[in-house]
Amino acid sequence: MTNQPYGGGYGYGGQEPPVTPYQQPPGTPYQQPRSQPQAWPGQGYDHAYDPYADQQHTQQWQGQTWETQMQPPVAAAAPVTPDPVQVPEPAPVAAGEPEPEPEYGPATLAGNARITDAQRARAEGRSPVIEPGMQPALLTAMLGLLLAGGAALGTYALLVPLVVLQGVTAAGWFRLNGMWPARQGIALGFLGALVADAAMLVSDRSPGVILGTLGVWVLLSLVLQLRSHADPDERMYGLMATVVAAALAIAAGGYLAADADAVVVGAVAVAAATVVRALPVATAASVVIALAAAGGAGYAVGGMSTDAALMGVGAAVCALIGHRVASYDYPSRFVHFTAGVALPLAAAGPVVYTLGRVLG
């Protein structure tokens, strides 16, 4: 049966189906299949003779490709297991022995050459408390003995070591809070102490002058900080540091307002307690021994009086608090030789005046 043309393409009869363009015998070269015509109206396309009528829009590949050779299967890559990392185990610690603690060098004297011990302790979550040590304690004892000797000699002899104490107190407090250089704040606090001292000398050592000067200096510090162009947080921090530095320096003037005998007992007791506290003894034991030494020193200097012993213990309590404060937050050798020297004596000044009036 001859092929009948239809719609511009080719047809075939029903005797034997021809090889479709999509089914080629194996081994024959690949031939590009002819595109099938689409049925257009008026071309006489008969749907009954079109075996691909249901596949006008979707063509499926049913024959073999031109690549007839068998490809070997790709073997799956074997998983690579990394070698385990050998972590060295810490050396065992014998039972009953304390674990070794890391050793750190001394605090820096100047500059920022390395991280300080306090900063390392803060980064590791430990308490950044480093006590000043024996050398600042000896300086505190020397300054305390100068105060005691000046009080025994007279008011103006007492004024010289007192002014030194007030200046070191103002400088040490700013450095203890990490604020350096802070010349304006240090100068303001020291000036407040000088004004209080001068007012006490004029008013025959009236203690009320201390409170008046302190109130005026708090207001002055507030006005100066409000005029600053720094950030609000920084201004508040500077205000608090200035007020506290001025308060400590002015409060140290309690030695000038107190009786001479009270100054002698209190200064000697602070000197004894500070030196004993710096001894290489456990903290709790050294505190108890320091208070006992201060009470004994006050008893001996105060004419074998129980009131003098109590005054010595009270002054020593305030001195140990100041010593602890000087050991915290940003300790360095500069802090130890300023705040570590001055804070024990400055903190004991108001107590020496109060206990001198109560027990004297």
Protein backbone atom coordinates (compact mmCIF):
# COMPACT_ATOMS: atom_id res chain seq x y z
CA MET A 1 0.00 0.00 0.00
CA THR A 2 1.41 3.30 -1.04
CA ASN A 3 1.79 6.16 1.36
CA GLN A 4 -0.86 8.83 1.08
CA PRO A 5 0.25 12.40 1.52
CA TYR A 6 -1.65 14.41 4.09
CA GLY A 7 -1.29 17.91 5.27
CA GLY A 8 2.11 18.34 3.60
CA GLY A 9 3.58 15.26 5.47
CA TYR A 10 3.66 11.52 4.93
CA GLY A 11 1.13 8.81 5.83
CA TYR A 12 1.25 5.04 6.00
CA GLY A 13 -1.15 2.13 5.65
CA GLY A 14 -2.16 -0.47 8.17
CA GLN A 15 -0.26 -3.53 6.77
CA GLU A 16 3.02 -3.19 8.58
CA PRO A 17 3.96 -0.33 10.83
CA PRO A 18 7.04 1.54 9.71
CA VAL A 19 9.94 2.26 11.95
CA THR A 20 9.12 5.48 13.74
CA PRO A 21 11.71 8.20 13.91
CA TYR A 22 11.89 7.53 17.64
CA GLN A 23 12.58 3.81 17.38
CA GLN A 24 15.75 3.08 15.43
CA PRO A 25 17.35 -0.33 15.18
CA PRO A 26 20.54 -0.76 17.17
CA GLY A 27 23.70 -0.03 15.25
CA THR A 28 22.16 2.43 12.79
CA PRO A 29 23.45 5.99 12.79
CA TYR A 30 21.39 8.52 14.57
CA GLN A 31 19.00 10.48 12.37
CA GLN A 32 17.26 13.64 13.29
CA PRO A 33 13.54 12.85 13.54
CA ARG A 34 11.28 14.84 11.35
CA SER A 35 8.93 17.13 13.09
CA GLN A 36 5.32 16.11 13.02
CA PRO A 37 2.92 18.51 11.37
CA GLN A 38 0.25 20.10 13.40
CA ALA A 39 -3.35 19.99 12.38
CA TRP A 40 -4.49 23.29 10.98
CA PRO A 41 -8.05 24.01 9.99
CA GLY A 42 -8.70 23.54 6.26
CA GLN A 43 -5.69 21.31 5.54
CA GLY A 44 -7.65 18.05 5.54
CA TYR A 45 -5.86 16.60 8.52
CA ASP A 46 -7.68 13.44 9.58
CA HIS A 47 -7.41 12.67 13.30
CA ALA A 48 -8.39 9.02 12.70
CA TYR A 49 -5.22 8.31 10.70
CA ASP A 50 -2.83 10.10 13.07
CA PRO A 51 -1.38 7.68 15.66
CA TYR A 52 0.34 10.60 17.45
CA ALA A 53 -2.77 12.65 17.99
CA ASP A 54 -2.55 12.13 21.75
CA GLN A 55 1.09 13.16 21.81
CA GLN A 56 1.00 16.47 20.01
CA HIS A 57 2.39 18.45 22.93
CA THR A 58 4.48 15.83 24.73
CA GLN A 59 7.12 13.70 23.02
CA GLN A 60 8.69 10.74 24.76
CA TRP A 61 11.99 9.11 23.85
CA GLN A 62 11.39 5.37 23.44
CA GLY A 63 14.43 4.15 21.52
CA GLN A 64 18.07 3.57 22.35
CA THR A 65 20.63 6.30 22.25
CA TRP A 66 23.63 6.34 20.00
CA GLU A 67 25.85 5.35 22.93
CA THR A 68 25.36 1.59 23.03
CA GLN A 69 28.38 0.55 25.08
CA MET A 70 27.82 -0.43 28.68
CA GLN A 71 29.39 1.93 31.17
CA PRO A 72 30.84 0.43 34.33
CA PRO A 73 28.98 1.46 37.47
CA VAL A 74 30.56 4.20 39.53
CA ALA A 75 31.67 2.89 42.86
CA ALA A 76 30.57 4.90 45.85
CA ALA A 77 33.34 6.80 47.50
CA ALA A 78 34.26 5.31 50.80
CA PRO A 79 33.81 7.77 53.68
CA VAL A 80 37.02 9.17 55.07
CA THR A 81 37.17 9.11 58.82
CA PRO A 82 39.59 11.66 60.31
CA ASP A 83 42.03 10.45 62.84
CA PRO A 84 41.00 11.25 66.39
CA VAL A 85 42.76 14.23 67.96
CA GLN A 86 44.85 13.29 70.90
CA VAL A 87 44.10 15.70 73.77
CA PRO A 88 46.71 15.61 76.50
CA GLU A 89 45.21 14.88 79.86
CA PRO A 90 46.16 17.11 82.81
CA ALA A 91 48.55 15.73 85.29
CA PRO A 92 46.75 14.08 88.19
CA VAL A 93 46.71 15.92 91.48
CA ALA A 94 47.35 13.90 94.59
CA ALA A 95 44.54 13.65 97.10
CA GLY A 96 44.62 16.37 99.70
CA GLU A 97 46.85 18.72 97.68
CA PRO A 98 45.38 21.99 96.38
CA GLU A 99 45.29 22.54 92.64
CA PRO A 100 48.10 24.79 91.39
CA GLU A 101 46.96 28.32 90.60
CA PRO A 102 48.33 30.34 87.67
CA GLU A 103 51.17 32.66 88.46
CA TYR A 104 51.03 36.30 87.39
CA GLY A 105 53.67 38.94 87.47
CA PRO A 106 53.47 42.17 89.45
CA ALA A 107 51.25 45.03 88.33
CA THR A 108 52.71 47.57 85.96
CA LEU A 109 54.15 50.85 87.19
CA ALA A 110 53.42 52.96 84.10
CA GLY A 111 52.18 52.56 80.58
CA ASN A 112 50.10 49.78 79.08
CA ALA A 113 52.81 47.33 78.06
CA ARG A 114 50.73 44.30 79.03
CA ILE A 115 47.44 43.41 80.60
CA THR A 116 47.44 43.98 84.34
CA ASP A 117 46.68 41.27 86.85
CA ALA A 118 43.39 42.93 87.73
CA GLN A 119 42.27 43.03 84.08
CA ARG A 120 43.24 39.40 83.63
CA ALA A 121 41.28 38.49 86.75
CA ARG A 122 38.20 40.34 85.50
CA ALA A 123 38.42 38.60 82.12
CA GLU A 124 38.64 35.21 83.83
CA GLY A 125 35.75 35.94 86.16
CA ARG A 126 37.88 36.08 89.29
CA SER A 127 37.88 38.78 91.93
CA PRO A 128 40.27 41.56 90.86
CA VAL A 129 41.43 42.26 94.41
CA ILE A 130 45.18 42.71 94.79
CA GLU A 131 46.37 44.03 98.12
CA PRO A 132 48.95 46.82 98.11
CA GLY A 133 51.63 44.91 99.98
CA MET A 134 54.24 45.79 102.56
CA GLN A 135 55.86 48.84 100.95
CA PRO A 136 52.65 50.93 100.78
CA ALA A 137 51.85 49.74 104.31
CA LEU A 138 55.18 51.05 105.54
CA LEU A 139 54.49 54.39 103.84
CA THR A 140 51.10 54.51 105.53
CA ALA A 141 52.72 53.80 108.88
CA MET A 142 55.30 56.54 108.28
CA LEU A 143 52.62 59.07 107.36
CA GLY A 144 50.57 58.03 110.39
CA LEU A 145 53.53 58.54 112.69
CA LEU A 146 54.08 61.96 111.15
CA LEU A 147 50.45 62.84 111.91
CA ALA A 148 50.85 61.63 115.48
CA GLY A 149 54.09 63.56 115.93
CA GLY A 150 52.63 66.71 114.37
CA ALA A 151 49.57 66.53 116.65
CA ALA A 152 51.86 66.25 119.66
CA LEU A 153 53.85 69.30 118.53
CA GLY A 154 50.97 71.57 117.60
CA THR A 155 48.29 72.46 115.06
CA TYR A 156 50.53 73.82 112.34
CA ALA A 157 52.94 70.90 112.65
CA LEU A 158 49.96 68.61 112.10
CA LEU A 159 48.87 70.61 109.08
CA VAL A 160 51.92 69.66 106.96
CA PRO A 161 51.45 65.84 106.85
CA LEU A 162 47.67 66.37 106.70
CA VAL A 163 47.94 68.38 103.47
CA VAL A 164 50.13 65.63 101.98
CA LEU A 165 47.54 63.04 102.99
CA GLN A 166 44.70 65.00 101.40
CA GLY A 167 46.52 65.51 98.09
CA VAL A 168 47.49 61.84 97.79
CA THR A 169 43.93 60.84 98.65
CA ALA A 170 42.40 62.89 95.83
CA ALA A 171 44.92 61.63 93.26
CA GLY A 172 44.66 58.02 94.38
CA TRP A 173 40.88 57.92 94.20
CA PHE A 174 40.77 59.03 90.57
CA ARG A 175 43.44 56.53 89.58
CA LEU A 176 41.65 53.80 91.51
CA ASN A 177 38.58 54.40 89.35
CA GLY A 178 40.58 54.20 86.12
CA MET A 179 40.41 57.94 85.44
CA TRP A 180 43.87 59.28 84.59
CA PRO A 181 44.92 61.91 83.94
CA ALA A 182 42.16 63.81 85.73
CA ARG A 183 43.91 67.01 86.71
CA GLN A 184 40.76 69.10 87.06
CA GLY A 185 39.05 66.58 89.33
CA ILE A 186 42.15 66.09 91.46
CA ALA A 187 42.71 69.81 91.73
CA LEU A 188 39.05 70.38 92.66
CA GLY A 189 39.09 67.76 95.42
CA PHE A 190 42.42 68.95 96.81
CA LEU A 191 41.25 72.57 96.71
CA GLY A 192 38.16 71.61 98.71
CA ALA A 193 40.39 70.03 101.37
CA LEU A 194 42.57 73.15 101.56
CA VAL A 195 39.51 75.39 101.91
CA ALA A 196 38.18 73.19 104.72
CA ASP A 197 41.54 73.27 106.51
CA ALA A 198 41.76 77.05 106.23
CA ALA A 199 38.18 77.47 107.44
CA MET A 200 38.88 75.26 110.47
CA LEU A 201 41.95 77.25 111.38
CA VAL A 202 39.95 80.46 111.16
CA SER A 203 37.01 79.07 113.13
CA ASP A 204 39.15 77.55 115.91
CA ARG A 205 38.93 74.02 114.43
CA SER A 206 35.15 73.84 114.31
CA PRO A 207 34.01 70.49 112.81
CA GLY A 208 30.94 72.10 111.24
CA VAL A 209 33.20 73.70 108.65
CA ILE A 210 33.87 70.24 107.19
CA LEU A 211 30.19 69.62 106.45
CA GLY A 212 29.72 73.12 105.04
CA THR A 213 32.70 72.82 102.73
CA LEU A 214 31.58 69.38 101.59
CA GLY A 215 28.12 70.70 100.66
CA VAL A 216 29.54 73.60 98.69
CA TRP A 217 31.97 71.33 96.83
CA VAL A 218 29.26 68.85 95.86
CA LEU A 219 27.28 71.70 94.30
CA LEU A 220 30.39 73.06 92.57
CA SER A 221 31.24 69.65 91.14
CA LEU A 222 27.70 69.28 89.83
CA VAL A 223 27.82 72.66 88.07
CA LEU A 224 31.17 71.88 86.46
CA GLN A 225 30.01 68.49 85.21
CA LEU A 226 26.87 70.01 83.71
CA ARG A 227 29.06 72.31 81.62
CA SER A 228 30.97 69.33 80.23
CA HIS A 229 30.39 68.18 76.62
CA ALA A 230 31.08 64.51 77.33
CA ASP A 231 28.53 61.71 77.09
CA PRO A 232 25.89 61.56 79.85
CA ASP A 233 27.24 58.30 81.25
CA GLU A 234 30.77 59.64 81.30
CA ARG A 235 29.65 62.86 82.96
CA MET A 236 27.82 60.95 85.67
CA TYR A 237 30.85 58.76 86.27
CA GLY A 238 33.10 61.79 86.49
CA LEU A 239 30.69 63.55 88.83
CA MET A 240 30.63 60.64 91.26
CA ALA A 241 34.42 60.30 91.20
CA THR A 242 34.90 64.02 91.81
CA VAL A 243 32.41 64.14 94.67
CA VAL A 244 33.87 61.09 96.43
CA ALA A 245 37.45 62.29 96.00
CA ALA A 246 36.57 65.69 97.45
CA ALA A 247 34.60 64.08 100.29
CA LEU A 248 37.49 61.80 101.28
CA ALA A 249 40.04 64.60 101.11
CA ILE A 250 37.84 66.96 103.14
CA ALA A 251 36.89 64.27 105.66
CA ALA A 252 40.57 63.62 106.33
CA GLY A 253 40.51 67.05 107.97
CA GLY A 254 38.94 65.32 110.96
CA TYR A 255 42.49 64.95 112.30
CA LEU A 256 42.71 68.73 112.42
CA ALA A 257 39.40 69.06 114.26
CA ALA A 258 40.12 66.29 116.80
CA ASP A 259 42.01 66.61 120.06
CA ALA A 260 45.72 66.02 119.95
CA ASP A 261 45.55 62.91 122.16
CA ALA A 262 42.90 61.34 119.93
CA VAL A 263 44.99 62.03 116.83
CA VAL A 264 48.03 60.39 118.40
CA VAL A 265 46.10 57.27 119.41
CA GLY A 266 44.22 56.96 116.12
CA ALA A 267 47.21 57.54 113.82
CA VAL A 268 49.42 55.08 115.70
CA ALA A 269 46.65 52.46 115.69
CA VAL A 270 46.18 52.85 111.92
CA ALA A 271 49.92 52.50 111.37
CA ALA A 272 50.08 49.29 113.41
CA ALA A 273 46.99 47.76 111.80
CA THR A 274 48.15 48.49 108.25
CA VAL A 275 51.57 46.93 108.73
CA VAL A 276 50.17 43.81 110.38
CA ARG A 277 47.53 43.47 107.65
CA ALA A 278 50.27 43.38 105.01
CA LEU A 279 51.96 40.35 106.56
CA PRO A 280 51.78 37.10 104.51
CA VAL A 281 48.99 35.57 106.57
CA ALA A 282 45.52 34.38 105.63
CA THR A 283 43.03 37.23 105.22
CA ALA A 284 40.76 36.38 108.14
CA ALA A 285 43.67 35.78 110.50
CA SER A 286 45.48 38.95 109.44
CA VAL A 287 42.36 41.06 110.02
CA VAL A 288 41.96 39.73 113.56
CA ILE A 289 45.65 40.19 114.32
CA ALA A 290 45.60 43.71 112.85
CA LEU A 291 42.67 44.75 115.05
CA ALA A 292 44.39 43.28 118.09
CA ALA A 293 47.61 45.10 117.24
CA ALA A 294 45.72 48.38 116.79
CA GLY A 295 43.99 47.95 120.15
CA GLY A 296 47.31 47.22 121.82
CA ALA A 297 48.99 50.20 120.19
CA GLY A 298 46.16 52.51 121.27
CA TYR A 299 46.28 51.10 124.78
CA ALA A 300 50.01 51.69 124.99
CA VAL A 301 50.02 55.18 123.50
CA GLY A 302 46.85 56.32 125.27
CA GLY A 303 48.18 55.89 128.79
CA MET A 304 47.02 52.32 129.44
CA SER A 305 43.40 53.32 128.98
CA THR A 306 40.58 51.06 127.82
CA ASP A 307 39.00 53.97 125.98
CA ALA A 308 42.23 54.48 124.06
CA ALA A 309 42.23 50.79 123.11
CA LEU A 310 38.66 51.04 121.86
CA MET A 311 39.55 54.17 119.92
CA GLY A 312 42.46 52.32 118.35
CA VAL A 313 40.23 49.41 117.31
CA GLY A 314 37.63 51.78 115.81
CA ALA A 315 40.26 53.64 113.80
CA ALA A 316 41.73 50.33 112.65
CA VAL A 317 38.35 49.11 111.38
CA CYS A 318 38.04 52.17 109.15
CA ALA A 319 41.66 51.80 108.06
CA LEU A 320 41.11 48.17 107.00
CA ILE A 321 38.04 49.20 105.02
CA GLY A 322 40.11 51.82 103.19
CA HIS A 323 42.83 49.24 102.63
CA ARG A 324 40.31 46.87 101.08
CA VAL A 325 38.89 49.56 98.82
CA ALA A 326 42.39 50.42 97.57
CA SER A 327 42.85 46.77 96.57
CA TYR A 328 39.84 46.56 94.29
CA ASP A 329 38.95 47.15 90.63
CA TYR A 330 42.02 48.73 88.96
CA PRO A 331 44.97 48.09 91.26
CA SER A 332 48.44 48.90 90.02
CA ARG A 333 51.64 50.07 91.62
CA PHE A 334 50.57 53.68 91.14
CA VAL A 335 47.25 52.99 92.86
CA HIS A 336 48.99 51.08 95.64
CA PHE A 337 51.37 53.94 96.32
CA THR A 338 48.62 56.57 96.32
CA ALA A 339 45.22 55.19 97.31
CA GLY A 340 46.82 52.23 99.08
CA VAL A 341 48.81 54.63 101.25
CA ALA A 342 46.24 57.37 101.85
CA LEU A 343 42.84 55.65 102.07
CA PRO A 344 43.46 53.84 105.40
CA LEU A 345 44.36 57.12 107.10
CA ALA A 346 41.75 59.25 105.30
CA ALA A 347 38.92 56.84 106.16
CA ALA A 348 39.89 56.89 109.83
CA GLY A 349 39.89 60.71 110.13
CA PRO A 350 36.18 61.25 110.96
CA VAL A 351 36.17 58.28 113.37
CA VAL A 352 39.17 59.63 115.23
CA TYR A 353 37.34 62.93 115.79
CA THR A 354 34.05 61.23 116.78
CA LEU A 355 35.57 58.66 119.15
CA GLY A 356 37.81 61.36 120.62
CA ARG A 357 34.76 63.41 121.53
CA VAL A 358 32.78 60.40 122.82
CA LEU A 359 35.51 58.54 124.73
CA GLY A 360 37.76 61.47 125.61
